[in-house]
Amino acid sequence: MLRFVTMELAEGAMPNGKRYISREALLARRMPQISVGKDITYGMGLAVDTTYGVTVVSHGGKTFGY
């Protein structure tokens, strides 16, 4: 999990600098597709919360609508 989070924070690059996924493809998952609340949107599997001016990208482990 730590390697995954490190790659996410490095926008698709691995610790050795090698590219695992393009920055554009990685960030596309965070693009707003569904409005969940005033400051929360949902993309492709990830929620983006900008409450209080801090961007938090997460996946709560739940499926919307269920």
PDB file of N, CA and C in Angstrom:
ATOM      1  N   MET A   1       0.834  -1.182   0.000  1.00  0.00           N
ATOM      2  CA  MET A   1       0.000   0.000   0.000  1.00  0.00           C
ATOM      3  C   MET A   1       0.880   1.247   0.000  1.00  0.00           C
ATOM      4  N   LEU A   2       1.967   1.203   0.737  1.00  0.00           N
ATOM      5  CA  LEU A   2       2.865   2.358   0.789  1.00  0.00           C
ATOM      6  C   LEU A   2       3.432   2.680  -0.590  1.00  0.00           C
ATOM      7  N   ARG A   3       3.755   1.663  -1.363  1.00  0.00           N
ATOM      8  CA  ARG A   3       4.275   1.897  -2.723  1.00  0.00           C
ATOM      9  C   ARG A   3       3.212   2.538  -3.599  1.00  0.00           C
ATOM     10  N   PHE A   4       1.975   2.101  -3.446  1.00  0.00           N
ATOM     11  CA  PHE A   4       0.872   2.672  -4.219  1.00  0.00           C
ATOM     12  C   PHE A   4       0.682   4.144  -3.869  1.00  0.00           C
ATOM     13  N   VAL A   5       0.651   4.459  -2.582  1.00  0.00           N
ATOM     14  CA  VAL A   5       0.467   5.850  -2.145  1.00  0.00           C
ATOM     15  C   VAL A   5       1.635   6.715  -2.606  1.00  0.00           C
ATOM     16  N   THR A   6       2.841   6.184  -2.516  1.00  0.00           N
ATOM     17  CA  THR A   6       4.021   6.926  -2.976  1.00  0.00           C
ATOM     18  C   THR A   6       3.911   7.242  -4.461  1.00  0.00           C
ATOM     19  N   MET A   7       3.450   6.270  -5.259  1.00  0.00           N
ATOM     20  CA  MET A   7       3.286   6.490  -6.692  1.00  0.00           C
ATOM     21  C   MET A   7       2.194   7.524  -6.955  1.00  0.00           C
ATOM     22  N   GLU A   8       1.099   7.465  -6.189  1.00  0.00           N
ATOM     23  CA  GLU A   8       0.028   8.458  -6.341  1.00  0.00           C
ATOM     24  C   GLU A   8       0.562   9.865  -6.051  1.00  0.00           C
ATOM     25  N   LEU A   9       1.296  10.006  -4.977  1.00  0.00           N
ATOM     26  CA  LEU A   9       1.829  11.319  -4.608  1.00  0.00           C
ATOM     27  C   LEU A   9       2.850  11.828  -5.619  1.00  0.00           C
ATOM     28  N   ALA A  10       3.550  10.911  -6.265  1.00  0.00           N
ATOM     29  CA  ALA A  10       4.535  11.280  -7.290  1.00  0.00           C
ATOM     30  C   ALA A  10       3.887  11.408  -8.663  1.00  0.00           C
ATOM     31  N   GLU A  11       2.559  11.377  -8.711  1.00  0.00           N
ATOM     32  CA  GLU A  11       1.788  11.545  -9.949  1.00  0.00           C
ATOM     33  C   GLU A  11       2.191  10.558 -11.028  1.00  0.00           C
ATOM     34  N   GLY A  12       2.325   9.279 -10.640  1.00  0.00           N
ATOM     35  CA  GLY A  12       2.558   8.220 -11.605  1.00  0.00           C
ATOM     36  C   GLY A  12       3.980   7.726 -11.720  1.00  0.00           C
ATOM     37  N   ALA A  13       4.908   8.353 -11.009  1.00  0.00           N
ATOM     38  CA  ALA A  13       6.308   7.921 -11.068  1.00  0.00           C
ATOM     39  C   ALA A  13       6.632   7.027  -9.869  1.00  0.00           C
ATOM     40  N   MET A  14       7.508   6.059 -10.089  1.00  0.00           N
ATOM     41  CA  MET A  14       7.954   5.185  -9.014  1.00  0.00           C
ATOM     42  C   MET A  14       9.139   5.834  -8.302  1.00  0.00           C
ATOM     43  N   PRO A  15       9.515   5.331  -7.118  1.00  0.00           N
ATOM     44  CA  PRO A  15      10.623   5.932  -6.371  1.00  0.00           C
ATOM     45  C   PRO A  15      11.934   6.022  -7.158  1.00  0.00           C
ATOM     46  N   ASN A  16      12.162   5.099  -8.094  1.00  0.00           N
ATOM     47  CA  ASN A  16      13.400   5.150  -8.887  1.00  0.00           C
ATOM     48  C   ASN A  16      13.301   6.143 -10.052  1.00  0.00           C
ATOM     49  N   GLY A  17      12.156   6.839 -10.151  1.00  0.00           N
ATOM     50  CA  GLY A  17      11.975   7.838 -11.199  1.00  0.00           C
ATOM     51  C   GLY A  17      11.336   7.299 -12.465  1.00  0.00           C
ATOM     52  N   LYS A  18      11.252   5.975 -12.576  1.00  0.00           N
ATOM     53  CA  LYS A  18      10.639   5.363 -13.746  1.00  0.00           C
ATOM     54  C   LYS A  18       9.133   5.608 -13.725  1.00  0.00           C
ATOM     55  N   ARG A  19       8.566   5.863 -14.879  1.00  0.00           N
ATOM     56  CA  ARG A  19       7.141   6.166 -14.992  1.00  0.00           C
ATOM     57  C   ARG A  19       6.340   4.876 -14.984  1.00  0.00           C
ATOM     58  N   TYR A  20       5.377   4.758 -14.067  1.00  0.00           N
ATOM     59  CA  TYR A  20       4.490   3.598 -13.983  1.00  0.00           C
ATOM     60  C   TYR A  20       3.236   3.822 -14.810  1.00  0.00           C
ATOM     61  N   ILE A  21       2.695   5.043 -14.726  1.00  0.00           N
ATOM     62  CA  ILE A  21       1.495   5.435 -15.460  1.00  0.00           C
ATOM     63  C   ILE A  21       1.645   6.916 -15.806  1.00  0.00           C
ATOM     64  N   SER A  22       1.082   7.330 -16.914  1.00  0.00           N
ATOM     65  CA  SER A  22       1.222   8.738 -17.288  1.00  0.00           C
ATOM     66  C   SER A  22       0.506   9.626 -16.268  1.00  0.00           C
ATOM     67  N   ARG A  23       1.040  10.799 -16.070  1.00  0.00           N
ATOM     68  CA  ARG A  23       0.446  11.760 -15.138  1.00  0.00           C
ATOM     69  C   ARG A  23      -0.995  12.065 -15.543  1.00  0.00           C
ATOM     70  N   GLU A  24      -1.218  12.214 -16.839  1.00  0.00           N
ATOM     71  CA  GLU A  24      -2.540  12.556 -17.343  1.00  0.00           C
ATOM     72  C   GLU A  24      -3.561  11.458 -17.019  1.00  0.00           C
ATOM     73  N   ALA A  25      -3.180  10.199 -17.234  1.00  0.00           N
ATOM     74  CA  ALA A  25      -4.091   9.082 -16.953  1.00  0.00           C
ATOM     75  C   ALA A  25      -4.370   8.970 -15.459  1.00  0.00           C
ATOM     76  N   LEU A  26      -3.349   9.153 -14.651  1.00  0.00           N
ATOM     77  CA  LEU A  26      -3.526   9.069 -13.206  1.00  0.00           C
ATOM     78  C   LEU A  26      -4.470  10.166 -12.710  1.00  0.00           C
ATOM     79  N   LEU A  27      -4.252  11.383 -13.158  1.00  0.00           N
ATOM     80  CA  LEU A  27      -5.072  12.504 -12.690  1.00  0.00           C
ATOM     81  C   LEU A  27      -6.480  12.484 -13.277  1.00  0.00           C
ATOM     82  N   ALA A  28      -6.675  11.802 -14.409  1.00  0.00           N
ATOM     83  CA  ALA A  28      -8.016  11.704 -15.013  1.00  0.00           C
ATOM     84  C   ALA A  28      -8.983  10.993 -14.080  1.00  0.00           C
ATOM     85  N   ARG A  29      -8.474  10.108 -13.232  1.00  0.00           N
ATOM     86  CA  ARG A  29      -9.342   9.388 -12.297  1.00  0.00           C
ATOM     87  C   ARG A  29      -9.949  10.327 -11.255  1.00  0.00           C
ATOM     88  N   ARG A  30      -9.332  11.466 -11.066  1.00  0.00           N
ATOM     89  CA  ARG A  30      -9.808  12.422 -10.058  1.00  0.00           C
ATOM     90  C   ARG A  30     -10.725  13.496 -10.637  1.00  0.00           C
ATOM     91  N   MET A  31     -10.861  13.524 -11.955  1.00  0.00           N
ATOM     92  CA  MET A  31     -11.690  14.549 -12.594  1.00  0.00           C
ATOM     93  C   MET A  31     -13.143  14.398 -12.136  1.00  0.00           C
ATOM     94  N   PRO A  32     -13.789  15.505 -11.765  1.00  0.00           N
ATOM     95  CA  PRO A  32     -15.163  15.419 -11.273  1.00  0.00           C
ATOM     96  C   PRO A  32     -16.132  14.915 -12.335  1.00  0.00           C
ATOM     97  N   GLN A  33     -16.891  13.882 -11.982  1.00  0.00           N
ATOM     98  CA  GLN A  33     -17.917  13.362 -12.868  1.00  0.00           C
ATOM     99  C   GLN A  33     -19.290  13.418 -12.208  1.00  0.00           C
ATOM    100  N   ILE A  34     -19.302  13.296 -10.889  1.00  0.00           N
ATOM    101  CA  ILE A  34     -20.553  13.325 -10.139  1.00  0.00           C
ATOM    102  C   ILE A  34     -20.374  14.240  -8.939  1.00  0.00           C
ATOM    103  N   SER A  35     -21.307  15.151  -8.746  1.00  0.00           N
ATOM    104  CA  SER A  35     -21.284  16.005  -7.561  1.00  0.00           C
ATOM    105  C   SER A  35     -21.919  15.236  -6.407  1.00  0.00           C
ATOM    106  N   VAL A  36     -21.174  15.094  -5.321  1.00  0.00           N
ATOM    107  CA  VAL A  36     -21.652  14.357  -4.157  1.00  0.00           C
ATOM    108  C   VAL A  36     -22.140  15.319  -3.083  1.00  0.00           C
ATOM    109  N   GLY A  37     -21.582  16.498  -3.075  1.00  0.00           N
ATOM    110  CA  GLY A  37     -21.942  17.519  -2.098  1.00  0.00           C
ATOM    111  C   GLY A  37     -21.390  18.847  -2.547  1.00  0.00           C
ATOM    112  N   LYS A  38     -21.497  19.840  -1.676  1.00  0.00           N
ATOM    113  CA  LYS A  38     -21.047  21.187  -2.022  1.00  0.00           C
ATOM    114  C   LYS A  38     -19.568  21.214  -2.432  1.00  0.00           C
ATOM    115  N   ASP A  39     -18.733  20.520  -1.671  1.00  0.00           N
ATOM    116  CA  ASP A  39     -17.294  20.536  -1.923  1.00  0.00           C
ATOM    117  C   ASP A  39     -16.729  19.153  -2.228  1.00  0.00           C
ATOM    118  N   ILE A  40     -17.587  18.213  -2.611  1.00  0.00           N
ATOM    119  CA  ILE A  40     -17.131  16.844  -2.862  1.00  0.00           C
ATOM    120  C   ILE A  40     -17.610  16.383  -4.237  1.00  0.00           C
ATOM    121  N   THR A  41     -16.681  15.833  -5.012  1.00  0.00           N
ATOM    122  CA  THR A  41     -17.018  15.259  -6.313  1.00  0.00           C
ATOM    123  C   THR A  41     -16.484  13.835  -6.376  1.00  0.00           C
ATOM    124  N   TYR A  42     -16.978  13.078  -7.335  1.00  0.00           N
ATOM    125  CA  TYR A  42     -16.551  11.692  -7.513  1.00  0.00           C
ATOM    126  C   TYR A  42     -16.093  11.515  -8.950  1.00  0.00           C
ATOM    127  N   GLY A  43     -14.944  10.869  -9.110  1.00  0.00           N
ATOM    128  CA  GLY A  43     -14.409  10.596 -10.444  1.00  0.00           C
ATOM    129  C   GLY A  43     -14.483   9.113 -10.733  1.00  0.00           C
ATOM    130  N   MET A  44     -13.420   8.544 -11.268  1.00  0.00           N
ATOM    131  CA  MET A  44     -13.389   7.109 -11.571  1.00  0.00           C
ATOM    132  C   MET A  44     -12.828   6.348 -10.368  1.00  0.00           C
ATOM    133  N   GLY A  45     -13.663   6.129  -9.369  1.00  0.00           N
ATOM    134  CA  GLY A  45     -13.256   5.374  -8.189  1.00  0.00           C
ATOM    135  C   GLY A  45     -12.681   6.207  -7.067  1.00  0.00           C
ATOM    136  N   LEU A  46     -12.529   7.502  -7.271  1.00  0.00           N
ATOM    137  CA  LEU A  46     -11.952   8.352  -6.238  1.00  0.00           C
ATOM    138  C   LEU A  46     -12.846   9.552  -5.958  1.00  0.00           C
ATOM    139  N   ALA A  47     -12.959   9.892  -4.696  1.00  0.00           N
ATOM    140  CA  ALA A  47     -13.688  11.088  -4.283  1.00  0.00           C
ATOM    141  C   ALA A  47     -12.670  12.195  -4.041  1.00  0.00           C
ATOM    142  N   VAL A  48     -13.038  13.408  -4.398  1.00  0.00           N
ATOM    143  CA  VAL A  48     -12.186  14.568  -4.167  1.00  0.00           C
ATOM    144  C   VAL A  48     -12.977  15.545  -3.307  1.00  0.00           C
ATOM    145  N   ASP A  49     -12.452  15.809  -2.126  1.00  0.00           N
ATOM    146  CA  ASP A  49     -13.097  16.687  -1.152  1.00  0.00           C
ATOM    147  C   ASP A  49     -12.237  17.935  -0.985  1.00  0.00           C
ATOM    148  N   THR A  50     -12.831  19.102  -1.213  1.00  0.00           N
ATOM    149  CA  THR A  50     -12.083  20.364  -1.079  1.00  0.00           C
ATOM    150  C   THR A  50     -12.624  21.221   0.068  1.00  0.00           C
ATOM    151  N   THR A  51     -13.290  20.581   1.013  1.00  0.00           N
ATOM    152  CA  THR A  51     -13.803  21.294   2.177  1.00  0.00           C
ATOM    153  C   THR A  51     -12.644  21.970   2.901  1.00  0.00           C
ATOM    154  N   TYR A  52     -12.866  23.167   3.353  1.00  0.00           N
ATOM    155  CA  TYR A  52     -11.871  23.965   4.095  1.00  0.00           C
ATOM    156  C   TYR A  52     -10.650  24.321   3.259  1.00  0.00           C
ATOM    157  N   GLY A  53     -10.750  24.203   1.928  1.00  0.00           N
ATOM    158  CA  GLY A  53      -9.651  24.609   1.059  1.00  0.00           C
ATOM    159  C   GLY A  53      -8.518  23.608   0.949  1.00  0.00           C
ATOM    160  N   VAL A  54      -8.675  22.427   1.519  1.00  0.00           N
ATOM    161  CA  VAL A  54      -7.650  21.388   1.451  1.00  0.00           C
ATOM    162  C   VAL A  54      -8.180  20.267   0.566  1.00  0.00           C
ATOM    163  N   THR A  55      -7.429  19.890  -0.457  1.00  0.00           N
ATOM    164  CA  THR A  55      -7.864  18.833  -1.360  1.00  0.00           C
ATOM    165  C   THR A  55      -7.497  17.474  -0.777  1.00  0.00           C
ATOM    166  N   VAL A  56      -8.515  16.636  -0.595  1.00  0.00           N
ATOM    167  CA  VAL A  56      -8.316  15.274  -0.083  1.00  0.00           C
ATOM    168  C   VAL A  56      -8.866  14.308  -1.120  1.00  0.00           C
ATOM    169  N   VAL A  57      -7.999  13.447  -1.647  1.00  0.00           N
ATOM    170  CA  VAL A  57      -8.395  12.427  -2.619  1.00  0.00           C
ATOM    171  C   VAL A  57      -8.475  11.112  -1.860  1.00  0.00           C
ATOM    172  N   SER A  58      -9.621  10.434  -1.974  1.00  0.00           N
ATOM    173  CA  SER A  58      -9.786   9.211  -1.188  1.00  0.00           C
ATOM    174  C   SER A  58     -10.739   8.236  -1.863  1.00  0.00           C
ATOM    175  N   HIS A  59     -10.760   7.061  -1.298  1.00  0.00           N
ATOM    176  CA  HIS A  59     -11.750   6.049  -1.668  1.00  0.00           C
ATOM    177  C   HIS A  59     -12.213   5.445  -0.352  1.00  0.00           C
ATOM    178  N   GLY A  60     -13.456   5.674  -0.022  1.00  0.00           N
ATOM    179  CA  GLY A  60     -13.977   5.242   1.267  1.00  0.00           C
ATOM    180  C   GLY A  60     -14.323   3.774   1.338  1.00  0.00           C
ATOM    181  N   GLY A  61     -14.141   3.037   0.258  1.00  0.00           N
ATOM    182  CA  GLY A  61     -14.445   1.623   0.262  1.00  0.00           C
ATOM    183  C   GLY A  61     -15.916   1.319   0.041  1.00  0.00           C
ATOM    184  N   LYS A  62     -16.682   2.324  -0.286  1.00  0.00           N
ATOM    185  CA  LYS A  62     -18.117   2.103  -0.485  1.00  0.00           C
ATOM    186  C   LYS A  62     -18.481   2.326  -1.955  1.00  0.00           C
ATOM    187  N   THR A  63     -19.630   1.828  -2.338  1.00  0.00           N
ATOM    188  CA  THR A  63     -20.144   2.012  -3.685  1.00  0.00           C
ATOM    189  C   THR A  63     -21.352   2.930  -3.611  1.00  0.00           C
ATOM    190  N   PHE A  64     -21.336   4.026  -4.341  1.00  0.00           N
ATOM    191  CA  PHE A  64     -22.439   4.960  -4.318  1.00  0.00           C
ATOM    192  C   PHE A  64     -23.716   4.283  -4.791  1.00  0.00           C
ATOM    193  N   GLY A  65     -24.802   4.533  -4.097  1.00  0.00           N
ATOM    194  CA  GLY A  65     -26.096   3.980  -4.471  1.00  0.00           C
ATOM    195  C   GLY A  65     -26.427   2.660  -3.813  1.00  0.00           C
ATOM    196  N   TYR A  66     -25.500   2.142  -3.008  1.00  0.00           N
ATOM    197  CA  TYR A  66     -25.748   0.864  -2.334  1.00  0.00           C
ATOM    198  C   TYR A  66     -25.599   1.016  -0.842  1.00  0.00           C
TER     199      TYR A  66
END
